[in-house]
Protein backbone atom coordinates (compact mmCIF):
# COMPACT_ATOMS: atom_id res chain seq x y z
CA UNK A 1 0.00 0.00 0.00
CA UNK A 2 1.46 3.29 -1.07
CA UNK A 3 0.34 6.53 0.54
CA UNK A 4 -1.71 8.40 -2.02
CA UNK A 5 -3.26 11.87 -1.96
CA UNK A 6 -6.55 12.66 -3.67
CA UNK A 7 -6.11 15.84 -5.70
CA UNK A 8 -9.80 16.04 -6.56
CA UNK A 9 -11.90 14.73 -9.44
CA UNK A 10 -10.51 11.20 -8.86
CA UNK A 11 -6.95 12.35 -9.59
CA UNK A 12 -4.42 10.65 -7.30
CA UNK A 13 -0.68 11.16 -6.72
CA UNK A 14 1.94 9.49 -4.53
CA UNK A 15 2.48 11.34 -1.27
CA UNK A 16 6.26 11.05 -1.74
CA UNK A 17 6.07 13.76 -4.42
CA UNK A 18 4.70 16.36 -2.00
CA UNK A 19 5.75 18.06 1.20
CA UNK A 20 2.61 17.96 3.31
CA UNK A 21 1.89 19.63 6.64
CA UNK A 22 -1.17 17.99 8.16
CA UNK A 23 -3.56 19.88 10.41
CA UNK A 24 -4.24 18.65 13.94
CA UNK A 25 -7.07 19.28 16.38
CA UNK A 26 -6.12 20.28 19.93
CA UNK A 27 -8.77 20.14 22.65
CA UNK A 28 -9.71 23.46 24.24
CA UNK A 29 -10.25 21.61 27.53
CA UNK A 30 -7.96 19.92 30.08
CA UNK A 31 -6.95 16.29 29.47
CA UNK A 32 -9.62 13.93 30.76
CA UNK A 33 -12.52 16.22 29.85
CA UNK A 34 -14.85 14.07 27.76
CA UNK A 35 -15.74 15.36 24.30
CA UNK A 36 -18.62 13.56 22.57
CA UNK A 37 -17.97 11.72 19.32
CA UNK A 38 -20.48 10.95 16.57
CA UNK A 39 -20.74 8.61 13.57
CA UNK A 40 -21.01 11.57 11.18
CA UNK A 41 -21.75 15.29 11.10
CA UNK A 42 -24.98 15.68 13.10
CA UNK A 43 -24.84 11.89 13.51
CA UNK A 44 -25.56 9.46 16.31
CA UNK A 45 -23.59 9.55 19.56
CA UNK A 46 -20.66 7.13 19.39
CA UNK A 47 -18.67 7.72 22.60
CA UNK A 48 -16.12 10.30 23.70
CA UNK A 49 -12.45 11.25 23.56
CA UNK A 50 -10.51 12.76 26.44
CA UNK A 51 -8.50 15.30 24.44
CA UNK A 52 -5.19 14.27 25.99
CA UNK A 53 -3.31 14.48 22.67
CA UNK A 54 -3.79 16.17 19.28
CA UNK A 55 -5.93 14.37 16.70
CA UNK A 56 -5.23 14.21 12.98
CA UNK A 57 -7.97 15.68 10.80
CA UNK A 58 -9.29 13.62 7.91
CA UNK A 59 -12.35 15.66 6.91
CA UNK A 60 -14.30 18.77 7.87
CA UNK A 61 -18.02 19.30 7.30
CA UNK A 62 -20.86 21.37 8.76
CA UNK A 63 -19.00 22.36 11.94
CA UNK A 64 -17.64 18.86 12.59
CA UNK A 65 -14.21 17.30 12.02
CA UNK A 66 -13.38 13.66 11.35
CA UNK A 67 -10.53 12.54 13.62
CA UNK A 68 -10.27 9.11 12.01
CA UNK A 69 -12.22 5.87 11.67
CA UNK A 70 -15.41 7.82 10.93
CA UNK A 71 -15.26 9.45 14.37
CA UNK A 72 -16.60 12.99 14.22
CA UNK A 73 -16.39 15.72 16.87
CA UNK A 74 -17.77 19.26 17.00
CA UNK A 75 -15.11 21.63 15.77
CA UNK A 76 -16.08 24.25 18.38
CA UNK A 77 -14.32 22.14 21.06
CA UNK A 78 -10.94 22.17 19.29
CA UNK A 79 -8.25 24.53 18.09
CA UNK A 80 -7.01 23.64 14.60
CA UNK A 81 -3.29 24.12 13.93
PDB file of N, CA and C in Angstrom:
ATOM      1  N   UNK A   1       0.832  -1.193   0.000  1.00  0.00           N
ATOM      2  CA  UNK A   1       0.000   0.000   0.000  1.00  0.00           C
ATOM      3  C   UNK A   1       0.868   1.245   0.000  1.00  0.00           C
ATOM      4  N   UNK A   2       0.735   2.035  -1.011  1.00  0.00           N
ATOM      5  CA  UNK A   2       1.461   3.294  -1.073  1.00  0.00           C
ATOM      6  C   UNK A   2       0.549   4.403  -0.575  1.00  0.00           C
ATOM      7  N   UNK A   3       1.130   5.387   0.088  1.00  0.00           N
ATOM      8  CA  UNK A   3       0.343   6.526   0.544  1.00  0.00           C
ATOM      9  C   UNK A   3       0.033   7.414  -0.649  1.00  0.00           C
ATOM     10  N   UNK A   4      -1.256   7.612  -0.875  1.00  0.00           N
ATOM     11  CA  UNK A   4      -1.712   8.395  -2.017  1.00  0.00           C
ATOM     12  C   UNK A   4      -2.528   9.587  -1.517  1.00  0.00           C
ATOM     13  N   UNK A   5      -2.478  10.677  -2.252  1.00  0.00           N
ATOM     14  CA  UNK A   5      -3.261  11.867  -1.959  1.00  0.00           C
ATOM     15  C   UNK A   5      -4.276  12.077  -3.068  1.00  0.00           C
ATOM     16  N   UNK A   6      -5.518  12.350  -2.679  1.00  0.00           N
ATOM     17  CA  UNK A   6      -6.549  12.664  -3.667  1.00  0.00           C
ATOM     18  C   UNK A   6      -6.452  14.150  -3.990  1.00  0.00           C
ATOM     19  N   UNK A   7      -6.241  14.463  -5.255  1.00  0.00           N
ATOM     20  CA  UNK A   7      -6.109  15.844  -5.697  1.00  0.00           C
ATOM     21  C   UNK A   7      -7.444  16.426  -6.146  1.00  0.00           C
ATOM     22  N   UNK A   8      -8.476  15.618  -6.116  1.00  0.00           N
ATOM     23  CA  UNK A   8      -9.801  16.036  -6.560  1.00  0.00           C
ATOM     24  C   UNK A   8     -10.137  15.428  -7.905  1.00  0.00           C
ATOM     25  N   UNK A   9     -11.417  15.273  -8.172  1.00  0.00           N
ATOM     26  CA  UNK A   9     -11.896  14.725  -9.439  1.00  0.00           C
ATOM     27  C   UNK A   9     -11.246  13.379  -9.753  1.00  0.00           C
ATOM     28  N   UNK A  10     -11.082  12.548  -8.721  1.00  0.00           N
ATOM     29  CA  UNK A  10     -10.512  11.197  -8.861  1.00  0.00           C
ATOM     30  C   UNK A  10      -9.081  11.189  -9.388  1.00  0.00           C
ATOM     31  N   UNK A  11      -8.369  12.295  -9.225  1.00  0.00           N
ATOM     32  CA  UNK A  11      -6.948  12.355  -9.593  1.00  0.00           C
ATOM     33  C   UNK A  11      -6.126  12.059  -8.342  1.00  0.00           C
ATOM     34  N   UNK A  12      -5.219  11.088  -8.434  1.00  0.00           N
ATOM     35  CA  UNK A  12      -4.416  10.655  -7.297  1.00  0.00           C
ATOM     36  C   UNK A  12      -2.933  10.793  -7.614  1.00  0.00           C
ATOM     37  N   UNK A  13      -2.136  11.053  -6.560  1.00  0.00           N
ATOM     38  CA  UNK A  13      -0.683  11.158  -6.718  1.00  0.00           C
ATOM     39  C   UNK A  13      -0.015  10.567  -5.478  1.00  0.00           C
ATOM     40  N   UNK A  14       1.189  10.044  -5.653  1.00  0.00           N
ATOM     41  CA  UNK A  14       1.935   9.489  -4.528  1.00  0.00           C
ATOM     42  C   UNK A  14       2.327  10.613  -3.572  1.00  0.00           C
ATOM     43  N   UNK A  15       2.153  10.349  -2.287  1.00  0.00           N
ATOM     44  CA  UNK A  15       2.477  11.342  -1.269  1.00  0.00           C
ATOM     45  C   UNK A  15       3.962  11.718  -1.297  1.00  0.00           C
ATOM     46  N   UNK A  16       4.815  10.799  -1.725  1.00  0.00           N
ATOM     47  CA  UNK A  16       6.262  11.046  -1.737  1.00  0.00           C
ATOM     48  C   UNK A  16       6.658  12.231  -2.623  1.00  0.00           C
ATOM     49  N   UNK A  17       5.775  12.644  -3.522  1.00  0.00           N
ATOM     50  CA  UNK A  17       6.068  13.759  -4.424  1.00  0.00           C
ATOM     51  C   UNK A  17       5.674  15.122  -3.844  1.00  0.00           C
ATOM     52  N   UNK A  18       5.180  15.129  -2.619  1.00  0.00           N
ATOM     53  CA  UNK A  18       4.697  16.357  -1.996  1.00  0.00           C
ATOM     54  C   UNK A  18       5.288  16.526  -0.609  1.00  0.00           C
ATOM     55  N   UNK A  19       5.398  17.757  -0.184  1.00  0.00           N
ATOM     56  CA  UNK A  19       5.751  18.058   1.195  1.00  0.00           C
ATOM     57  C   UNK A  19       4.458  18.527   1.848  1.00  0.00           C
ATOM     58  N   UNK A  20       3.927  17.712   2.745  1.00  0.00           N
ATOM     59  CA  UNK A  20       2.606  17.958   3.312  1.00  0.00           C
ATOM     60  C   UNK A  20       2.723  18.288   4.796  1.00  0.00           C
ATOM     61  N   UNK A  21       2.019  19.321   5.223  1.00  0.00           N
ATOM     62  CA  UNK A  21       1.892  19.628   6.640  1.00  0.00           C
ATOM     63  C   UNK A  21       0.431  19.394   7.009  1.00  0.00           C
ATOM     64  N   UNK A  22       0.190  18.356   7.783  1.00  0.00           N
ATOM     65  CA  UNK A  22      -1.168  17.989   8.164  1.00  0.00           C
ATOM     66  C   UNK A  22      -1.654  18.871   9.305  1.00  0.00           C
ATOM     67  N   UNK A  23      -2.944  19.135   9.319  1.00  0.00           N
ATOM     68  CA  UNK A  23      -3.559  19.880  10.412  1.00  0.00           C
ATOM     69  C   UNK A  23      -3.901  18.920  11.541  1.00  0.00           C
ATOM     70  N   UNK A  24      -3.873  19.442  12.770  1.00  0.00           N
ATOM     71  CA  UNK A  24      -4.240  18.653  13.940  1.00  0.00           C
ATOM     72  C   UNK A  24      -5.255  19.430  14.776  1.00  0.00           C
ATOM     73  N   UNK A  25      -6.070  18.694  15.503  1.00  0.00           N
ATOM     74  CA  UNK A  25      -7.073  19.284  16.380  1.00  0.00           C
ATOM     75  C   UNK A  25      -6.606  19.136  17.827  1.00  0.00           C
ATOM     76  N   UNK A  26      -6.541  20.262  18.533  1.00  0.00           N
ATOM     77  CA  UNK A  26      -6.121  20.284  19.933  1.00  0.00           C
ATOM     78  C   UNK A  26      -7.324  20.674  20.782  1.00  0.00           C
ATOM     79  N   UNK A  27      -7.628  19.871  21.789  1.00  0.00           N
ATOM     80  CA  UNK A  27      -8.768  20.142  22.652  1.00  0.00           C
ATOM     81  C   UNK A  27      -8.609  21.481  23.356  1.00  0.00           C
ATOM     82  N   UNK A  28      -9.708  22.195  23.505  1.00  0.00           N
ATOM     83  CA  UNK A  28      -9.714  23.458  24.242  1.00  0.00           C
ATOM     84  C   UNK A  28      -9.835  23.221  25.746  1.00  0.00           C
ATOM     85  N   UNK A  29      -9.995  21.956  26.142  1.00  0.00           N
ATOM     86  CA  UNK A  29     -10.253  21.614  27.534  1.00  0.00           C
ATOM     87  C   UNK A  29      -9.098  20.805  28.122  1.00  0.00           C
ATOM     88  N   UNK A  30      -9.024  20.708  29.459  1.00  0.00           N
ATOM     89  CA  UNK A  30      -7.956  19.917  30.080  1.00  0.00           C
ATOM     90  C   UNK A  30      -8.083  18.435  29.725  1.00  0.00           C
ATOM     91  N   UNK A  31      -6.943  17.740  29.733  1.00  0.00           N
ATOM     92  CA  UNK A  31      -6.952  16.289  29.470  1.00  0.00           C
ATOM     93  C   UNK A  31      -7.904  15.610  30.442  1.00  0.00           C
ATOM     94  N   UNK A  32      -8.653  14.653  29.939  1.00  0.00           N
ATOM     95  CA  UNK A  32      -9.616  13.935  30.759  1.00  0.00           C
ATOM     96  C   UNK A  32     -11.035  14.463  30.629  1.00  0.00           C
ATOM     97  N   UNK A  33     -11.189  15.653  30.069  1.00  0.00           N
ATOM     98  CA  UNK A  33     -12.515  16.220  29.854  1.00  0.00           C
ATOM     99  C   UNK A  33     -13.128  15.504  28.658  1.00  0.00           C
ATOM    100  N   UNK A  34     -14.237  14.852  28.834  1.00  0.00           N
ATOM    101  CA  UNK A  34     -14.854  14.067  27.762  1.00  0.00           C
ATOM    102  C   UNK A  34     -15.512  14.923  26.689  1.00  0.00           C
ATOM    103  N   UNK A  35     -15.143  14.673  25.447  1.00  0.00           N
ATOM    104  CA  UNK A  35     -15.744  15.359  24.300  1.00  0.00           C
ATOM    105  C   UNK A  35     -16.499  14.313  23.493  1.00  0.00           C
ATOM    106  N   UNK A  36     -17.781  14.532  23.278  1.00  0.00           N
ATOM    107  CA  UNK A  36     -18.617  13.562  22.572  1.00  0.00           C
ATOM    108  C   UNK A  36     -18.138  13.326  21.145  1.00  0.00           C
ATOM    109  N   UNK A  37     -18.271  12.082  20.699  1.00  0.00           N
ATOM    110  CA  UNK A  37     -17.970  11.724  19.315  1.00  0.00           C
ATOM    111  C   UNK A  37     -19.243  11.198  18.662  1.00  0.00           C
ATOM    112  N   UNK A  38     -19.291  11.321  17.331  1.00  0.00           N
ATOM    113  CA  UNK A  38     -20.476  10.947  16.566  1.00  0.00           C
ATOM    114  C   UNK A  38     -20.068  10.142  15.338  1.00  0.00           C
ATOM    115  N   UNK A  39     -21.033   9.436  14.744  1.00  0.00           N
ATOM    116  CA  UNK A  39     -20.735   8.605  13.568  1.00  0.00           C
ATOM    117  C   UNK A  39     -20.784   9.396  12.262  1.00  0.00           C
ATOM    118  N   UNK A  40     -20.992  10.688  12.344  1.00  0.00           N
ATOM    119  CA  UNK A  40     -21.005  11.570  11.181  1.00  0.00           C
ATOM    120  C   UNK A  40     -21.392  12.963  11.626  1.00  0.00           C
ATOM    121  N   UNK A  41     -21.283  13.953  10.745  1.00  0.00           N
ATOM    122  CA  UNK A  41     -21.754  15.289  11.098  1.00  0.00           C
ATOM    123  C   UNK A  41     -23.241  15.228  11.449  1.00  0.00           C
ATOM    124  N   UNK A  42     -23.605  15.765  12.596  1.00  0.00           N
ATOM    125  CA  UNK A  42     -24.984  15.679  13.100  1.00  0.00           C
ATOM    126  C   UNK A  42     -25.449  14.234  13.222  1.00  0.00           C
ATOM    127  N   UNK A  43     -24.518  13.314  13.448  1.00  0.00           N
ATOM    128  CA  UNK A  43     -24.836  11.888  13.513  1.00  0.00           C
ATOM    129  C   UNK A  43     -25.196  11.414  14.908  1.00  0.00           C
ATOM    130  N   UNK A  44     -25.225  10.099  15.045  1.00  0.00           N
ATOM    131  CA  UNK A  44     -25.559   9.460  16.315  1.00  0.00           C
ATOM    132  C   UNK A  44     -24.349   9.452  17.237  1.00  0.00           C
ATOM    133  N   UNK A  45     -24.630   9.579  18.543  1.00  0.00           N
ATOM    134  CA  UNK A  45     -23.586   9.551  19.565  1.00  0.00           C
ATOM    135  C   UNK A  45     -22.824   8.235  19.471  1.00  0.00           C
ATOM    136  N   UNK A  46     -21.510   8.310  19.539  1.00  0.00           N
ATOM    137  CA  UNK A  46     -20.657   7.128  19.389  1.00  0.00           C
ATOM    138  C   UNK A  46     -19.853   6.839  20.656  1.00  0.00           C
ATOM    139  N   UNK A  47     -19.500   7.866  21.406  1.00  0.00           N
ATOM    140  CA  UNK A  47     -18.672   7.724  22.604  1.00  0.00           C
ATOM    141  C   UNK A  47     -18.040   9.066  22.918  1.00  0.00           C
ATOM    142  N   UNK A  48     -16.818   9.035  23.471  1.00  0.00           N
ATOM    143  CA  UNK A  48     -16.121  10.296  23.697  1.00  0.00           C
ATOM    144  C   UNK A  48     -14.617  10.109  23.647  1.00  0.00           C
ATOM    145  N   UNK A  49     -13.916  11.214  23.513  1.00  0.00           N
ATOM    146  CA  UNK A  49     -12.454  11.250  23.563  1.00  0.00           C
ATOM    147  C   UNK A  49     -12.083  12.166  24.716  1.00  0.00           C
ATOM    148  N   UNK A  50     -10.893  11.960  25.271  1.00  0.00           N
ATOM    149  CA  UNK A  50     -10.511  12.760  26.438  1.00  0.00           C
ATOM    150  C   UNK A  50      -9.648  13.966  26.103  1.00  0.00           C
ATOM    151  N   UNK A  51      -9.260  14.127  24.852  1.00  0.00           N
ATOM    152  CA  UNK A  51      -8.504  15.302  24.438  1.00  0.00           C
ATOM    153  C   UNK A  51      -7.097  15.386  24.986  1.00  0.00           C
ATOM    154  N   UNK A  52      -6.518  14.255  25.381  1.00  0.00           N
ATOM    155  CA  UNK A  52      -5.190  14.273  25.995  1.00  0.00           C
ATOM    156  C   UNK A  52      -4.051  14.426  24.988  1.00  0.00           C
ATOM    157  N   UNK A  53      -4.340  14.292  23.702  1.00  0.00           N
ATOM    158  CA  UNK A  53      -3.312  14.483  22.668  1.00  0.00           C
ATOM    159  C   UNK A  53      -3.975  15.026  21.410  1.00  0.00           C
ATOM    160  N   UNK A  54      -3.200  15.624  20.502  1.00  0.00           N
ATOM    161  CA  UNK A  54      -3.789  16.174  19.276  1.00  0.00           C
ATOM    162  C   UNK A  54      -4.261  15.070  18.328  1.00  0.00           C
ATOM    163  N   UNK A  55      -5.346  15.333  17.638  1.00  0.00           N
ATOM    164  CA  UNK A  55      -5.925  14.370  16.701  1.00  0.00           C
ATOM    165  C   UNK A  55      -5.679  14.831  15.270  1.00  0.00           C
ATOM    166  N   UNK A  56      -5.338  13.904  14.401  1.00  0.00           N
ATOM    167  CA  UNK A  56      -5.235  14.207  12.980  1.00  0.00           C
ATOM    168  C   UNK A  56      -6.620  14.499  12.434  1.00  0.00           C
ATOM    169  N   UNK A  57      -6.687  15.315  11.403  1.00  0.00           N
ATOM    170  CA  UNK A  57      -7.970  15.678  10.802  1.00  0.00           C
ATOM    171  C   UNK A  57      -8.050  15.068   9.409  1.00  0.00           C
ATOM    172  N   UNK A  58      -9.116  14.307   9.180  1.00  0.00           N
ATOM    173  CA  UNK A  58      -9.285  13.620   7.906  1.00  0.00           C
ATOM    174  C   UNK A  58     -10.368  14.244   7.038  1.00  0.00           C
ATOM    175  N   UNK A  59     -11.292  14.983   7.659  1.00  0.00           N
ATOM    176  CA  UNK A  59     -12.353  15.661   6.910  1.00  0.00           C
ATOM    177  C   UNK A  59     -12.959  16.740   7.801  1.00  0.00           C
ATOM    178  N   UNK A  60     -13.641  17.673   7.161  1.00  0.00           N
ATOM    179  CA  UNK A  60     -14.298  18.770   7.873  1.00  0.00           C
ATOM    180  C   UNK A  60     -15.616  19.053   7.165  1.00  0.00           C
ATOM    181  N   UNK A  61     -16.716  19.080   7.930  1.00  0.00           N
ATOM    182  CA  UNK A  61     -18.019  19.301   7.302  1.00  0.00           C
ATOM    183  C   UNK A  61     -19.033  19.804   8.328  1.00  0.00           C
ATOM    184  N   UNK A  62     -19.741  20.856   7.968  1.00  0.00           N
ATOM    185  CA  UNK A  62     -20.865  21.372   8.757  1.00  0.00           C
ATOM    186  C   UNK A  62     -20.546  21.573  10.237  1.00  0.00           C
ATOM    187  N   UNK A  63     -19.356  22.095  10.551  1.00  0.00           N
ATOM    188  CA  UNK A  63     -19.000  22.358  11.942  1.00  0.00           C
ATOM    189  C   UNK A  63     -18.451  21.164  12.698  1.00  0.00           C
ATOM    190  N   UNK A  64     -18.205  20.069  11.983  1.00  0.00           N
ATOM    191  CA  UNK A  64     -17.641  18.856  12.590  1.00  0.00           C
ATOM    192  C   UNK A  64     -16.329  18.512  11.898  1.00  0.00           C
ATOM    193  N   UNK A  65     -15.451  17.801  12.618  1.00  0.00           N
ATOM    194  CA  UNK A  65     -14.214  17.303  12.018  1.00  0.00           C
ATOM    195  C   UNK A  65     -14.108  15.805  12.261  1.00  0.00           C
ATOM    196  N   UNK A  66     -13.596  15.103  11.271  1.00  0.00           N
ATOM    197  CA  UNK A  66     -13.382  13.656  11.346  1.00  0.00           C
ATOM    198  C   UNK A  66     -11.967  13.435  11.867  1.00  0.00           C
ATOM    199  N   UNK A  67     -11.845  12.790  13.033  1.00  0.00           N
ATOM    200  CA  UNK A  67     -10.530  12.541  13.623  1.00  0.00           C
ATOM    201  C   UNK A  67     -10.066  11.106  13.370  1.00  0.00           C
ATOM    202  N   UNK A  68     -10.689  10.456  12.412  1.00  0.00           N
ATOM    203  CA  UNK A  68     -10.266   9.114  12.007  1.00  0.00           C
ATOM    204  C   UNK A  68     -11.293   8.052  12.332  1.00  0.00           C
ATOM    205  N   UNK A  69     -11.316   7.020  11.516  1.00  0.00           N
ATOM    206  CA  UNK A  69     -12.217   5.871  11.672  1.00  0.00           C
ATOM    207  C   UNK A  69     -13.674   6.300  11.779  1.00  0.00           C
ATOM    208  N   UNK A  70     -14.049   7.280  10.946  1.00  0.00           N
ATOM    209  CA  UNK A  70     -15.412   7.816  10.928  1.00  0.00           C
ATOM    210  C   UNK A  70     -15.863   8.267  12.320  1.00  0.00           C
ATOM    211  N   UNK A  71     -14.962   8.884  13.056  1.00  0.00           N
ATOM    212  CA  UNK A  71     -15.255   9.446  14.369  1.00  0.00           C
ATOM    213  C   UNK A  71     -15.257  10.961  14.231  1.00  0.00           C
ATOM    214  N   UNK A  72     -16.423  11.553  14.427  1.00  0.00           N
ATOM    215  CA  UNK A  72     -16.601  12.989  14.222  1.00  0.00           C
ATOM    216  C   UNK A  72     -16.799  13.694  15.556  1.00  0.00           C
ATOM    217  N   UNK A  73     -16.231  14.893  15.675  1.00  0.00           N
ATOM    218  CA  UNK A  73     -16.387  15.724  16.865  1.00  0.00           C
ATOM    219  C   UNK A  73     -16.772  17.130  16.420  1.00  0.00           C
ATOM    220  N   UNK A  74     -17.427  17.877  17.328  1.00  0.00           N
ATOM    221  CA  UNK A  74     -17.775  19.258  17.004  1.00  0.00           C
ATOM    222  C   UNK A  74     -16.499  20.093  17.003  1.00  0.00           C
ATOM    223  N   UNK A  75     -16.314  20.821  15.929  1.00  0.00           N
ATOM    224  CA  UNK A  75     -15.106  21.634  15.767  1.00  0.00           C
ATOM    225  C   UNK A  75     -14.986  22.705  16.847  1.00  0.00           C
ATOM    226  N   UNK A  76     -16.099  23.169  17.386  1.00  0.00           N
ATOM    227  CA  UNK A  76     -16.084  24.245  18.384  1.00  0.00           C
ATOM    228  C   UNK A  76     -15.293  23.879  19.640  1.00  0.00           C
ATOM    229  N   UNK A  77     -15.052  22.592  19.876  1.00  0.00           N
ATOM    230  CA  UNK A  77     -14.325  22.141  21.062  1.00  0.00           C
ATOM    231  C   UNK A  77     -12.821  22.017  20.832  1.00  0.00           C
ATOM    232  N   UNK A  78     -12.352  22.375  19.638  1.00  0.00           N
ATOM    233  CA  UNK A  78     -10.944  22.174  19.285  1.00  0.00           C
ATOM    234  C   UNK A  78     -10.341  23.416  18.643  1.00  0.00           C
ATOM    235  N   UNK A  79      -9.044  23.562  18.832  1.00  0.00           N
ATOM    236  CA  UNK A  79      -8.252  24.534  18.086  1.00  0.00           C
ATOM    237  C   UNK A  79      -7.566  23.770  16.969  1.00  0.00           C
ATOM    238  N   UNK A  80      -7.620  24.296  15.758  1.00  0.00           N
ATOM    239  CA  UNK A  80      -7.010  23.643  14.600  1.00  0.00           C
ATOM    240  C   UNK A  80      -5.690  24.351  14.292  1.00  0.00           C
ATOM    241  N   UNK A  81      -4.615  23.553  14.253  1.00  0.00           N
ATOM    242  CA  UNK A  81      -3.295  24.123  13.930  1.00  0.00           C
ATOM    243  C   UNK A  81      -2.572  23.184  13.001  1.00  0.00           C
TER     244      UNK A  81
END
